[in-house]
């Protein structure tokens, strides 16, 4: 069930980075 979580701050302010991170 585990994995990675992005939190903040507000992570959507860095949406391009999130896309790359989650895609990988």
PDBML (XML) file of the C-alpha atoms, coordinates in Angstrom:
<?xml version="1.0" encoding="UTF-8" ?>
<PDBx:datablock datablockName="MODEL"
   xmlns:PDBx="http://pdbml.pdb.org/schema/pdbx-v50.xsd"
   xmlns:xsi="http://www.w3.org/2001/XMLSchema-instance"
   xsi:schemaLocation="http://pdbml.pdb.org/schema/pdbx-v50.xsd pdbx-v50.xsd">
   <PDBx:atom_siteCategory>
      <PDBx:atom_site id="1">
         <PDBx:B_iso_or_equiv>0.00</PDBx:B_iso_or_equiv>
         <PDBx:Cartn_x>0.000</PDBx:Cartn_x>
         <PDBx:Cartn_y>0.000</PDBx:Cartn_y>
         <PDBx:Cartn_z>0.000</PDBx:Cartn_z>
         <PDBx:auth_asym_id>A</PDBx:auth_asym_id>
         <PDBx:auth_atom_id>CA</PDBx:auth_atom_id>
         <PDBx:auth_comp_id>UNK</PDBx:auth_comp_id>
         <PDBx:auth_seq_id>1</PDBx:auth_seq_id>
         <PDBx:group_PDB>ATOM</PDBx:group_PDB>
         <PDBx:label_alt_id xsi:nil="true" />
         <PDBx:label_asym_id>A</PDBx:label_asym_id>
         <PDBx:label_atom_id>CA</PDBx:label_atom_id>
         <PDBx:label_comp_id>UNK</PDBx:label_comp_id>
         <PDBx:label_entity_id>1</PDBx:label_entity_id>
         <PDBx:label_seq_id>1</PDBx:label_seq_id>
         <PDBx:occupancy>1.00</PDBx:occupancy>
         <PDBx:pdbx_PDB_model_num>1</PDBx:pdbx_PDB_model_num>
         <PDBx:type_symbol>C</PDBx:type_symbol>
      </PDBx:atom_site>
      <PDBx:atom_site id="2">
         <PDBx:B_iso_or_equiv>0.00</PDBx:B_iso_or_equiv>
         <PDBx:Cartn_x>2.890</PDBx:Cartn_x>
         <PDBx:Cartn_y>2.408</PDBx:Cartn_y>
         <PDBx:Cartn_z>0.529</PDBx:Cartn_z>
         <PDBx:auth_asym_id>A</PDBx:auth_asym_id>
         <PDBx:auth_atom_id>CA</PDBx:auth_atom_id>
         <PDBx:auth_comp_id>UNK</PDBx:auth_comp_id>
         <PDBx:auth_seq_id>2</PDBx:auth_seq_id>
         <PDBx:group_PDB>ATOM</PDBx:group_PDB>
         <PDBx:label_alt_id xsi:nil="true" />
         <PDBx:label_asym_id>A</PDBx:label_asym_id>
         <PDBx:label_atom_id>CA</PDBx:label_atom_id>
         <PDBx:label_comp_id>UNK</PDBx:label_comp_id>
         <PDBx:label_entity_id>1</PDBx:label_entity_id>
         <PDBx:label_seq_id>2</PDBx:label_seq_id>
         <PDBx:occupancy>1.00</PDBx:occupancy>
         <PDBx:pdbx_PDB_model_num>1</PDBx:pdbx_PDB_model_num>
         <PDBx:type_symbol>C</PDBx:type_symbol>
      </PDBx:atom_site>
      <PDBx:atom_site id="3">
         <PDBx:B_iso_or_equiv>0.00</PDBx:B_iso_or_equiv>
         <PDBx:Cartn_x>4.600</PDBx:Cartn_x>
         <PDBx:Cartn_y>4.726</PDBx:Cartn_y>
         <PDBx:Cartn_z>-1.929</PDBx:Cartn_z>
         <PDBx:auth_asym_id>A</PDBx:auth_asym_id>
         <PDBx:auth_atom_id>CA</PDBx:auth_atom_id>
         <PDBx:auth_comp_id>UNK</PDBx:auth_comp_id>
         <PDBx:auth_seq_id>3</PDBx:auth_seq_id>
         <PDBx:group_PDB>ATOM</PDBx:group_PDB>
         <PDBx:label_alt_id xsi:nil="true" />
         <PDBx:label_asym_id>A</PDBx:label_asym_id>
         <PDBx:label_atom_id>CA</PDBx:label_atom_id>
         <PDBx:label_comp_id>UNK</PDBx:label_comp_id>
         <PDBx:label_entity_id>1</PDBx:label_entity_id>
         <PDBx:label_seq_id>3</PDBx:label_seq_id>
         <PDBx:occupancy>1.00</PDBx:occupancy>
         <PDBx:pdbx_PDB_model_num>1</PDBx:pdbx_PDB_model_num>
         <PDBx:type_symbol>C</PDBx:type_symbol>
      </PDBx:atom_site>
      <PDBx:atom_site id="4">
         <PDBx:B_iso_or_equiv>0.00</PDBx:B_iso_or_equiv>
         <PDBx:Cartn_x>5.417</PDBx:Cartn_x>
         <PDBx:Cartn_y>8.406</PDBx:Cartn_y>
         <PDBx:Cartn_z>-2.343</PDBx:Cartn_z>
         <PDBx:auth_asym_id>A</PDBx:auth_asym_id>
         <PDBx:auth_atom_id>CA</PDBx:auth_atom_id>
         <PDBx:auth_comp_id>UNK</PDBx:auth_comp_id>
         <PDBx:auth_seq_id>4</PDBx:auth_seq_id>
         <PDBx:group_PDB>ATOM</PDBx:group_PDB>
         <PDBx:label_alt_id xsi:nil="true" />
         <PDBx:label_asym_id>A</PDBx:label_asym_id>
         <PDBx:label_atom_id>CA</PDBx:label_atom_id>
         <PDBx:label_comp_id>UNK</PDBx:label_comp_id>
         <PDBx:label_entity_id>1</PDBx:label_entity_id>
         <PDBx:label_seq_id>4</PDBx:label_seq_id>
         <PDBx:occupancy>1.00</PDBx:occupancy>
         <PDBx:pdbx_PDB_model_num>1</PDBx:pdbx_PDB_model_num>
         <PDBx:type_symbol>C</PDBx:type_symbol>
      </PDBx:atom_site>
      <PDBx:atom_site id="5">
         <PDBx:B_iso_or_equiv>0.00</PDBx:B_iso_or_equiv>
         <PDBx:Cartn_x>3.471</PDBx:Cartn_x>
         <PDBx:Cartn_y>11.477</PDBx:Cartn_y>
         <PDBx:Cartn_z>-1.242</PDBx:Cartn_z>
         <PDBx:auth_asym_id>A</PDBx:auth_asym_id>
         <PDBx:auth_atom_id>CA</PDBx:auth_atom_id>
         <PDBx:auth_comp_id>UNK</PDBx:auth_comp_id>
         <PDBx:auth_seq_id>5</PDBx:auth_seq_id>
         <PDBx:group_PDB>ATOM</PDBx:group_PDB>
         <PDBx:label_alt_id xsi:nil="true" />
         <PDBx:label_asym_id>A</PDBx:label_asym_id>
         <PDBx:label_atom_id>CA</PDBx:label_atom_id>
         <PDBx:label_comp_id>UNK</PDBx:label_comp_id>
         <PDBx:label_entity_id>1</PDBx:label_entity_id>
         <PDBx:label_seq_id>5</PDBx:label_seq_id>
         <PDBx:occupancy>1.00</PDBx:occupancy>
         <PDBx:pdbx_PDB_model_num>1</PDBx:pdbx_PDB_model_num>
         <PDBx:type_symbol>C</PDBx:type_symbol>
      </PDBx:atom_site>
      <PDBx:atom_site id="6">
         <PDBx:B_iso_or_equiv>0.00</PDBx:B_iso_or_equiv>
         <PDBx:Cartn_x>4.119</PDBx:Cartn_x>
         <PDBx:Cartn_y>15.110</PDBx:Cartn_y>
         <PDBx:Cartn_z>-2.126</PDBx:Cartn_z>
         <PDBx:auth_asym_id>A</PDBx:auth_asym_id>
         <PDBx:auth_atom_id>CA</PDBx:auth_atom_id>
         <PDBx:auth_comp_id>UNK</PDBx:auth_comp_id>
         <PDBx:auth_seq_id>6</PDBx:auth_seq_id>
         <PDBx:group_PDB>ATOM</PDBx:group_PDB>
         <PDBx:label_alt_id xsi:nil="true" />
         <PDBx:label_asym_id>A</PDBx:label_asym_id>
         <PDBx:label_atom_id>CA</PDBx:label_atom_id>
         <PDBx:label_comp_id>UNK</PDBx:label_comp_id>
         <PDBx:label_entity_id>1</PDBx:label_entity_id>
         <PDBx:label_seq_id>6</PDBx:label_seq_id>
         <PDBx:occupancy>1.00</PDBx:occupancy>
         <PDBx:pdbx_PDB_model_num>1</PDBx:pdbx_PDB_model_num>
         <PDBx:type_symbol>C</PDBx:type_symbol>
      </PDBx:atom_site>
      <PDBx:atom_site id="7">
         <PDBx:B_iso_or_equiv>0.00</PDBx:B_iso_or_equiv>
         <PDBx:Cartn_x>2.929</PDBx:Cartn_x>
         <PDBx:Cartn_y>17.658</PDBx:Cartn_y>
         <PDBx:Cartn_z>0.410</PDBx:Cartn_z>
         <PDBx:auth_asym_id>A</PDBx:auth_asym_id>
         <PDBx:auth_atom_id>CA</PDBx:auth_atom_id>
         <PDBx:auth_comp_id>UNK</PDBx:auth_comp_id>
         <PDBx:auth_seq_id>7</PDBx:auth_seq_id>
         <PDBx:group_PDB>ATOM</PDBx:group_PDB>
         <PDBx:label_alt_id xsi:nil="true" />
         <PDBx:label_asym_id>A</PDBx:label_asym_id>
         <PDBx:label_atom_id>CA</PDBx:label_atom_id>
         <PDBx:label_comp_id>UNK</PDBx:label_comp_id>
         <PDBx:label_entity_id>1</PDBx:label_entity_id>
         <PDBx:label_seq_id>7</PDBx:label_seq_id>
         <PDBx:occupancy>1.00</PDBx:occupancy>
         <PDBx:pdbx_PDB_model_num>1</PDBx:pdbx_PDB_model_num>
         <PDBx:type_symbol>C</PDBx:type_symbol>
      </PDBx:atom_site>
      <PDBx:atom_site id="8">
         <PDBx:B_iso_or_equiv>0.00</PDBx:B_iso_or_equiv>
         <PDBx:Cartn_x>3.890</PDBx:Cartn_x>
         <PDBx:Cartn_y>21.204</PDBx:Cartn_y>
         <PDBx:Cartn_z>1.280</PDBx:Cartn_z>
         <PDBx:auth_asym_id>A</PDBx:auth_asym_id>
         <PDBx:auth_atom_id>CA</PDBx:auth_atom_id>
         <PDBx:auth_comp_id>UNK</PDBx:auth_comp_id>
         <PDBx:auth_seq_id>8</PDBx:auth_seq_id>
         <PDBx:group_PDB>ATOM</PDBx:group_PDB>
         <PDBx:label_alt_id xsi:nil="true" />
         <PDBx:label_asym_id>A</PDBx:label_asym_id>
         <PDBx:label_atom_id>CA</PDBx:label_atom_id>
         <PDBx:label_comp_id>UNK</PDBx:label_comp_id>
         <PDBx:label_entity_id>1</PDBx:label_entity_id>
         <PDBx:label_seq_id>8</PDBx:label_seq_id>
         <PDBx:occupancy>1.00</PDBx:occupancy>
         <PDBx:pdbx_PDB_model_num>1</PDBx:pdbx_PDB_model_num>
         <PDBx:type_symbol>C</PDBx:type_symbol>
      </PDBx:atom_site>
      <PDBx:atom_site id="9">
         <PDBx:B_iso_or_equiv>0.00</PDBx:B_iso_or_equiv>
         <PDBx:Cartn_x>3.737</PDBx:Cartn_x>
         <PDBx:Cartn_y>24.039</PDBx:Cartn_y>
         <PDBx:Cartn_z>1.323</PDBx:Cartn_z>
         <PDBx:auth_asym_id>A</PDBx:auth_asym_id>
         <PDBx:auth_atom_id>CA</PDBx:auth_atom_id>
         <PDBx:auth_comp_id>UNK</PDBx:auth_comp_id>
         <PDBx:auth_seq_id>9</PDBx:auth_seq_id>
         <PDBx:group_PDB>ATOM</PDBx:group_PDB>
         <PDBx:label_alt_id xsi:nil="true" />
         <PDBx:label_asym_id>A</PDBx:label_asym_id>
         <PDBx:label_atom_id>CA</PDBx:label_atom_id>
         <PDBx:label_comp_id>UNK</PDBx:label_comp_id>
         <PDBx:label_entity_id>1</PDBx:label_entity_id>
         <PDBx:label_seq_id>9</PDBx:label_seq_id>
         <PDBx:occupancy>1.00</PDBx:occupancy>
         <PDBx:pdbx_PDB_model_num>1</PDBx:pdbx_PDB_model_num>
         <PDBx:type_symbol>C</PDBx:type_symbol>
      </PDBx:atom_site>
      <PDBx:atom_site id="10">
         <PDBx:B_iso_or_equiv>0.00</PDBx:B_iso_or_equiv>
         <PDBx:Cartn_x>1.519</PDBx:Cartn_x>
         <PDBx:Cartn_y>23.730</PDBx:Cartn_y>
         <PDBx:Cartn_z>-1.739</PDBx:Cartn_z>
         <PDBx:auth_asym_id>A</PDBx:auth_asym_id>
         <PDBx:auth_atom_id>CA</PDBx:auth_atom_id>
         <PDBx:auth_comp_id>UNK</PDBx:auth_comp_id>
         <PDBx:auth_seq_id>10</PDBx:auth_seq_id>
         <PDBx:group_PDB>ATOM</PDBx:group_PDB>
         <PDBx:label_alt_id xsi:nil="true" />
         <PDBx:label_asym_id>A</PDBx:label_asym_id>
         <PDBx:label_atom_id>CA</PDBx:label_atom_id>
         <PDBx:label_comp_id>UNK</PDBx:label_comp_id>
         <PDBx:label_entity_id>1</PDBx:label_entity_id>
         <PDBx:label_seq_id>10</PDBx:label_seq_id>
         <PDBx:occupancy>1.00</PDBx:occupancy>
         <PDBx:pdbx_PDB_model_num>1</PDBx:pdbx_PDB_model_num>
         <PDBx:type_symbol>C</PDBx:type_symbol>
      </PDBx:atom_site>
      <PDBx:atom_site id="11">
         <PDBx:B_iso_or_equiv>0.00</PDBx:B_iso_or_equiv>
         <PDBx:Cartn_x>2.948</PDBx:Cartn_x>
         <PDBx:Cartn_y>21.257</PDBx:Cartn_y>
         <PDBx:Cartn_z>-4.261</PDBx:Cartn_z>
         <PDBx:auth_asym_id>A</PDBx:auth_asym_id>
         <PDBx:auth_atom_id>CA</PDBx:auth_atom_id>
         <PDBx:auth_comp_id>UNK</PDBx:auth_comp_id>
         <PDBx:auth_seq_id>11</PDBx:auth_seq_id>
         <PDBx:group_PDB>ATOM</PDBx:group_PDB>
         <PDBx:label_alt_id xsi:nil="true" />
         <PDBx:label_asym_id>A</PDBx:label_asym_id>
         <PDBx:label_atom_id>CA</PDBx:label_atom_id>
         <PDBx:label_comp_id>UNK</PDBx:label_comp_id>
         <PDBx:label_entity_id>1</PDBx:label_entity_id>
         <PDBx:label_seq_id>11</PDBx:label_seq_id>
         <PDBx:occupancy>1.00</PDBx:occupancy>
         <PDBx:pdbx_PDB_model_num>1</PDBx:pdbx_PDB_model_num>
         <PDBx:type_symbol>C</PDBx:type_symbol>
      </PDBx:atom_site>
      <PDBx:atom_site id="12">
         <PDBx:B_iso_or_equiv>0.00</PDBx:B_iso_or_equiv>
         <PDBx:Cartn_x>0.679</PDBx:Cartn_x>
         <PDBx:Cartn_y>22.373</PDBx:Cartn_y>
         <PDBx:Cartn_z>-7.125</PDBx:Cartn_z>
         <PDBx:auth_asym_id>A</PDBx:auth_asym_id>
         <PDBx:auth_atom_id>CA</PDBx:auth_atom_id>
         <PDBx:auth_comp_id>UNK</PDBx:auth_comp_id>
         <PDBx:auth_seq_id>12</PDBx:auth_seq_id>
         <PDBx:group_PDB>ATOM</PDBx:group_PDB>
         <PDBx:label_alt_id xsi:nil="true" />
         <PDBx:label_asym_id>A</PDBx:label_asym_id>
         <PDBx:label_atom_id>CA</PDBx:label_atom_id>
         <PDBx:label_comp_id>UNK</PDBx:label_comp_id>
         <PDBx:label_entity_id>1</PDBx:label_entity_id>
         <PDBx:label_seq_id>12</PDBx:label_seq_id>
         <PDBx:occupancy>1.00</PDBx:occupancy>
         <PDBx:pdbx_PDB_model_num>1</PDBx:pdbx_PDB_model_num>
         <PDBx:type_symbol>C</PDBx:type_symbol>
      </PDBx:atom_site>
      <PDBx:atom_site id="13">
         <PDBx:B_iso_or_equiv>0.00</PDBx:B_iso_or_equiv>
         <PDBx:Cartn_x>2.745</PDBx:Cartn_x>
         <PDBx:Cartn_y>25.555</PDBx:Cartn_y>
         <PDBx:Cartn_z>-7.342</PDBx:Cartn_z>
         <PDBx:auth_asym_id>A</PDBx:auth_asym_id>
         <PDBx:auth_atom_id>CA</PDBx:auth_atom_id>
         <PDBx:auth_comp_id>UNK</PDBx:auth_comp_id>
         <PDBx:auth_seq_id>13</PDBx:auth_seq_id>
         <PDBx:group_PDB>ATOM</PDBx:group_PDB>
         <PDBx:label_alt_id xsi:nil="true" />
         <PDBx:label_asym_id>A</PDBx:label_asym_id>
         <PDBx:label_atom_id>CA</PDBx:label_atom_id>
         <PDBx:label_comp_id>UNK</PDBx:label_comp_id>
         <PDBx:label_entity_id>1</PDBx:label_entity_id>
         <PDBx:label_seq_id>13</PDBx:label_seq_id>
         <PDBx:occupancy>1.00</PDBx:occupancy>
         <PDBx:pdbx_PDB_model_num>1</PDBx:pdbx_PDB_model_num>
         <PDBx:type_symbol>C</PDBx:type_symbol>
      </PDBx:atom_site>
      <PDBx:atom_site id="14">
         <PDBx:B_iso_or_equiv>0.00</PDBx:B_iso_or_equiv>
         <PDBx:Cartn_x>5.431</PDBx:Cartn_x>
         <PDBx:Cartn_y>23.270</PDBx:Cartn_y>
         <PDBx:Cartn_z>-8.807</PDBx:Cartn_z>
         <PDBx:auth_asym_id>A</PDBx:auth_asym_id>
         <PDBx:auth_atom_id>CA</PDBx:auth_atom_id>
         <PDBx:auth_comp_id>UNK</PDBx:auth_comp_id>
         <PDBx:auth_seq_id>14</PDBx:auth_seq_id>
         <PDBx:group_PDB>ATOM</PDBx:group_PDB>
         <PDBx:label_alt_id xsi:nil="true" />
         <PDBx:label_asym_id>A</PDBx:label_asym_id>
         <PDBx:label_atom_id>CA</PDBx:label_atom_id>
         <PDBx:label_comp_id>UNK</PDBx:label_comp_id>
         <PDBx:label_entity_id>1</PDBx:label_entity_id>
         <PDBx:label_seq_id>14</PDBx:label_seq_id>
         <PDBx:occupancy>1.00</PDBx:occupancy>
         <PDBx:pdbx_PDB_model_num>1</PDBx:pdbx_PDB_model_num>
         <PDBx:type_symbol>C</PDBx:type_symbol>
      </PDBx:atom_site>
      <PDBx:atom_site id="15">
         <PDBx:B_iso_or_equiv>0.00</PDBx:B_iso_or_equiv>
         <PDBx:Cartn_x>3.141</PDBx:Cartn_x>
         <PDBx:Cartn_y>21.280</PDBx:Cartn_y>
         <PDBx:Cartn_z>-11.091</PDBx:Cartn_z>
         <PDBx:auth_asym_id>A</PDBx:auth_asym_id>
         <PDBx:auth_atom_id>CA</PDBx:auth_atom_id>
         <PDBx:auth_comp_id>UNK</PDBx:auth_comp_id>
         <PDBx:auth_seq_id>15</PDBx:auth_seq_id>
         <PDBx:group_PDB>ATOM</PDBx:group_PDB>
         <PDBx:label_alt_id xsi:nil="true" />
         <PDBx:label_asym_id>A</PDBx:label_asym_id>
         <PDBx:label_atom_id>CA</PDBx:label_atom_id>
         <PDBx:label_comp_id>UNK</PDBx:label_comp_id>
         <PDBx:label_entity_id>1</PDBx:label_entity_id>
         <PDBx:label_seq_id>15</PDBx:label_seq_id>
         <PDBx:occupancy>1.00</PDBx:occupancy>
         <PDBx:pdbx_PDB_model_num>1</PDBx:pdbx_PDB_model_num>
         <PDBx:type_symbol>C</PDBx:type_symbol>
      </PDBx:atom_site>
      <PDBx:atom_site id="16">
         <PDBx:B_iso_or_equiv>0.00</PDBx:B_iso_or_equiv>
         <PDBx:Cartn_x>5.682</PDBx:Cartn_x>
         <PDBx:Cartn_y>20.682</PDBx:Cartn_y>
         <PDBx:Cartn_z>-13.871</PDBx:Cartn_z>
         <PDBx:auth_asym_id>A</PDBx:auth_asym_id>
         <PDBx:auth_atom_id>CA</PDBx:auth_atom_id>
         <PDBx:auth_comp_id>UNK</PDBx:auth_comp_id>
         <PDBx:auth_seq_id>16</PDBx:auth_seq_id>
         <PDBx:group_PDB>ATOM</PDBx:group_PDB>
         <PDBx:label_alt_id xsi:nil="true" />
         <PDBx:label_asym_id>A</PDBx:label_asym_id>
         <PDBx:label_atom_id>CA</PDBx:label_atom_id>
         <PDBx:label_comp_id>UNK</PDBx:label_comp_id>
         <PDBx:label_entity_id>1</PDBx:label_entity_id>
         <PDBx:label_seq_id>16</PDBx:label_seq_id>
         <PDBx:occupancy>1.00</PDBx:occupancy>
         <PDBx:pdbx_PDB_model_num>1</PDBx:pdbx_PDB_model_num>
         <PDBx:type_symbol>C</PDBx:type_symbol>
      </PDBx:atom_site>
      <PDBx:atom_site id="17">
         <PDBx:B_iso_or_equiv>0.00</PDBx:B_iso_or_equiv>
         <PDBx:Cartn_x>8.028</PDBx:Cartn_x>
         <PDBx:Cartn_y>19.074</PDBx:Cartn_y>
         <PDBx:Cartn_z>-11.363</PDBx:Cartn_z>
         <PDBx:auth_asym_id>A</PDBx:auth_asym_id>
         <PDBx:auth_atom_id>CA</PDBx:auth_atom_id>
         <PDBx:auth_comp_id>UNK</PDBx:auth_comp_id>
         <PDBx:auth_seq_id>17</PDBx:auth_seq_id>
         <PDBx:group_PDB>ATOM</PDBx:group_PDB>
         <PDBx:label_alt_id xsi:nil="true" />
         <PDBx:label_asym_id>A</PDBx:label_asym_id>
         <PDBx:label_atom_id>CA</PDBx:label_atom_id>
         <PDBx:label_comp_id>UNK</PDBx:label_comp_id>
         <PDBx:label_entity_id>1</PDBx:label_entity_id>
         <PDBx:label_seq_id>17</PDBx:label_seq_id>
         <PDBx:occupancy>1.00</PDBx:occupancy>
         <PDBx:pdbx_PDB_model_num>1</PDBx:pdbx_PDB_model_num>
         <PDBx:type_symbol>C</PDBx:type_symbol>
      </PDBx:atom_site>
      <PDBx:atom_site id="18">
         <PDBx:B_iso_or_equiv>0.00</PDBx:B_iso_or_equiv>
         <PDBx:Cartn_x>5.185</PDBx:Cartn_x>
         <PDBx:Cartn_y>16.965</PDBx:Cartn_y>
         <PDBx:Cartn_z>-9.955</PDBx:Cartn_z>
         <PDBx:auth_asym_id>A</PDBx:auth_asym_id>
         <PDBx:auth_atom_id>CA</PDBx:auth_atom_id>
         <PDBx:auth_comp_id>UNK</PDBx:auth_comp_id>
         <PDBx:auth_seq_id>18</PDBx:auth_seq_id>
         <PDBx:group_PDB>ATOM</PDBx:group_PDB>
         <PDBx:label_alt_id xsi:nil="true" />
         <PDBx:label_asym_id>A</PDBx:label_asym_id>
         <PDBx:label_atom_id>CA</PDBx:label_atom_id>
         <PDBx:label_comp_id>UNK</PDBx:label_comp_id>
         <PDBx:label_entity_id>1</PDBx:label_entity_id>
         <PDBx:label_seq_id>18</PDBx:label_seq_id>
         <PDBx:occupancy>1.00</PDBx:occupancy>
         <PDBx:pdbx_PDB_model_num>1</PDBx:pdbx_PDB_model_num>
         <PDBx:type_symbol>C</PDBx:type_symbol>
      </PDBx:atom_site>
      <PDBx:atom_site id="19">
         <PDBx:B_iso_or_equiv>0.00</PDBx:B_iso_or_equiv>
         <PDBx:Cartn_x>4.328</PDBx:Cartn_x>
         <PDBx:Cartn_y>15.647</PDBx:Cartn_y>
         <PDBx:Cartn_z>-13.409</PDBx:Cartn_z>
         <PDBx:auth_asym_id>A</PDBx:auth_asym_id>
         <PDBx:auth_atom_id>CA</PDBx:auth_atom_id>
         <PDBx:auth_comp_id>UNK</PDBx:auth_comp_id>
         <PDBx:auth_seq_id>19</PDBx:auth_seq_id>
         <PDBx:group_PDB>ATOM</PDBx:group_PDB>
         <PDBx:label_alt_id xsi:nil="true" />
         <PDBx:label_asym_id>A</PDBx:label_asym_id>
         <PDBx:label_atom_id>CA</PDBx:label_atom_id>
         <PDBx:label_comp_id>UNK</PDBx:label_comp_id>
         <PDBx:label_entity_id>1</PDBx:label_entity_id>
         <PDBx:label_seq_id>19</PDBx:label_seq_id>
         <PDBx:occupancy>1.00</PDBx:occupancy>
         <PDBx:pdbx_PDB_model_num>1</PDBx:pdbx_PDB_model_num>
         <PDBx:type_symbol>C</PDBx:type_symbol>
      </PDBx:atom_site>
      <PDBx:atom_site id="20">
         <PDBx:B_iso_or_equiv>0.00</PDBx:B_iso_or_equiv>
         <PDBx:Cartn_x>7.913</PDBx:Cartn_x>
         <PDBx:Cartn_y>14.525</PDBx:Cartn_y>
         <PDBx:Cartn_z>-13.974</PDBx:Cartn_z>
         <PDBx:auth_asym_id>A</PDBx:auth_asym_id>
         <PDBx:auth_atom_id>CA</PDBx:auth_atom_id>
         <PDBx:auth_comp_id>UNK</PDBx:auth_comp_id>
         <PDBx:auth_seq_id>20</PDBx:auth_seq_id>
         <PDBx:group_PDB>ATOM</PDBx:group_PDB>
         <PDBx:label_alt_id xsi:nil="true" />
         <PDBx:label_asym_id>A</PDBx:label_asym_id>
         <PDBx:label_atom_id>CA</PDBx:label_atom_id>
         <PDBx:label_comp_id>UNK</PDBx:label_comp_id>
         <PDBx:label_entity_id>1</PDBx:label_entity_id>
         <PDBx:label_seq_id>20</PDBx:label_seq_id>
         <PDBx:occupancy>1.00</PDBx:occupancy>
         <PDBx:pdbx_PDB_model_num>1</PDBx:pdbx_PDB_model_num>
         <PDBx:type_symbol>C</PDBx:type_symbol>
      </PDBx:atom_site>
      <PDBx:atom_site id="21">
         <PDBx:B_iso_or_equiv>0.00</PDBx:B_iso_or_equiv>
         <PDBx:Cartn_x>8.186</PDBx:Cartn_x>
         <PDBx:Cartn_y>13.027</PDBx:Cartn_y>
         <PDBx:Cartn_z>-10.488</PDBx:Cartn_z>
         <PDBx:auth_asym_id>A</PDBx:auth_asym_id>
         <PDBx:auth_atom_id>CA</PDBx:auth_atom_id>
         <PDBx:auth_comp_id>UNK</PDBx:auth_comp_id>
         <PDBx:auth_seq_id>21</PDBx:auth_seq_id>
         <PDBx:group_PDB>ATOM</PDBx:group_PDB>
         <PDBx:label_alt_id xsi:nil="true" />
         <PDBx:label_asym_id>A</PDBx:label_asym_id>
         <PDBx:label_atom_id>CA</PDBx:label_atom_id>
         <PDBx:label_comp_id>UNK</PDBx:label_comp_id>
         <PDBx:label_entity_id>1</PDBx:label_entity_id>
         <PDBx:label_seq_id>21</PDBx:label_seq_id>
         <PDBx:occupancy>1.00</PDBx:occupancy>
         <PDBx:pdbx_PDB_model_num>1</PDBx:pdbx_PDB_model_num>
         <PDBx:type_symbol>C</PDBx:type_symbol>
      </PDBx:atom_site>
      <PDBx:atom_site id="22">
         <PDBx:B_iso_or_equiv>0.00</PDBx:B_iso_or_equiv>
         <PDBx:Cartn_x>4.911</PDBx:Cartn_x>
         <PDBx:Cartn_y>11.105</PDBx:Cartn_y>
         <PDBx:Cartn_z>-10.599</PDBx:Cartn_z>
         <PDBx:auth_asym_id>A</PDBx:auth_asym_id>
         <PDBx:auth_atom_id>CA</PDBx:auth_atom_id>
         <PDBx:auth_comp_id>UNK</PDBx:auth_comp_id>
         <PDBx:auth_seq_id>22</PDBx:auth_seq_id>
         <PDBx:group_PDB>ATOM</PDBx:group_PDB>
         <PDBx:label_alt_id xsi:nil="true" />
         <PDBx:label_asym_id>A</PDBx:label_asym_id>
         <PDBx:label_atom_id>CA</PDBx:label_atom_id>
         <PDBx:label_comp_id>UNK</PDBx:label_comp_id>
         <PDBx:label_entity_id>1</PDBx:label_entity_id>
         <PDBx:label_seq_id>22</PDBx:label_seq_id>
         <PDBx:occupancy>1.00</PDBx:occupancy>
         <PDBx:pdbx_PDB_model_num>1</PDBx:pdbx_PDB_model_num>
         <PDBx:type_symbol>C</PDBx:type_symbol>
      </PDBx:atom_site>
      <PDBx:atom_site id="23">
         <PDBx:B_iso_or_equiv>0.00</PDBx:B_iso_or_equiv>
         <PDBx:Cartn_x>5.519</PDBx:Cartn_x>
         <PDBx:Cartn_y>9.933</PDBx:Cartn_y>
         <PDBx:Cartn_z>-14.176</PDBx:Cartn_z>
         <PDBx:auth_asym_id>A</PDBx:auth_asym_id>
         <PDBx:auth_atom_id>CA</PDBx:auth_atom_id>
         <PDBx:auth_comp_id>UNK</PDBx:auth_comp_id>
         <PDBx:auth_seq_id>23</PDBx:auth_seq_id>
         <PDBx:group_PDB>ATOM</PDBx:group_PDB>
         <PDBx:label_alt_id xsi:nil="true" />
         <PDBx:label_asym_id>A</PDBx:label_asym_id>
         <PDBx:label_atom_id>CA</PDBx:label_atom_id>
         <PDBx:label_comp_id>UNK</PDBx:label_comp_id>
         <PDBx:label_entity_id>1</PDBx:label_entity_id>
         <PDBx:label_seq_id>23</PDBx:label_seq_id>
         <PDBx:occupancy>1.00</PDBx:occupancy>
         <PDBx:pdbx_PDB_model_num>1</PDBx:pdbx_PDB_model_num>
         <PDBx:type_symbol>C</PDBx:type_symbol>
      </PDBx:atom_site>
      <PDBx:atom_site id="24">
         <PDBx:B_iso_or_equiv>0.00</PDBx:B_iso_or_equiv>
         <PDBx:Cartn_x>8.866</PDBx:Cartn_x>
         <PDBx:Cartn_y>8.455</PDBx:Cartn_y>
         <PDBx:Cartn_z>-13.159</PDBx:Cartn_z>
         <PDBx:auth_asym_id>A</PDBx:auth_asym_id>
         <PDBx:auth_atom_id>CA</PDBx:auth_atom_id>
         <PDBx:auth_comp_id>UNK</PDBx:auth_comp_id>
         <PDBx:auth_seq_id>24</PDBx:auth_seq_id>
         <PDBx:group_PDB>ATOM</PDBx:group_PDB>
         <PDBx:label_alt_id xsi:nil="true" />
         <PDBx:label_asym_id>A</PDBx:label_asym_id>
         <PDBx:label_atom_id>CA</PDBx:label_atom_id>
         <PDBx:label_comp_id>UNK</PDBx:label_comp_id>
         <PDBx:label_entity_id>1</PDBx:label_entity_id>
         <PDBx:label_seq_id>24</PDBx:label_seq_id>
         <PDBx:occupancy>1.00</PDBx:occupancy>
         <PDBx:pdbx_PDB_model_num>1</PDBx:pdbx_PDB_model_num>
         <PDBx:type_symbol>C</PDBx:type_symbol>
      </PDBx:atom_site>
   </PDBx:atom_siteCategory>
</PDBx:datablock>
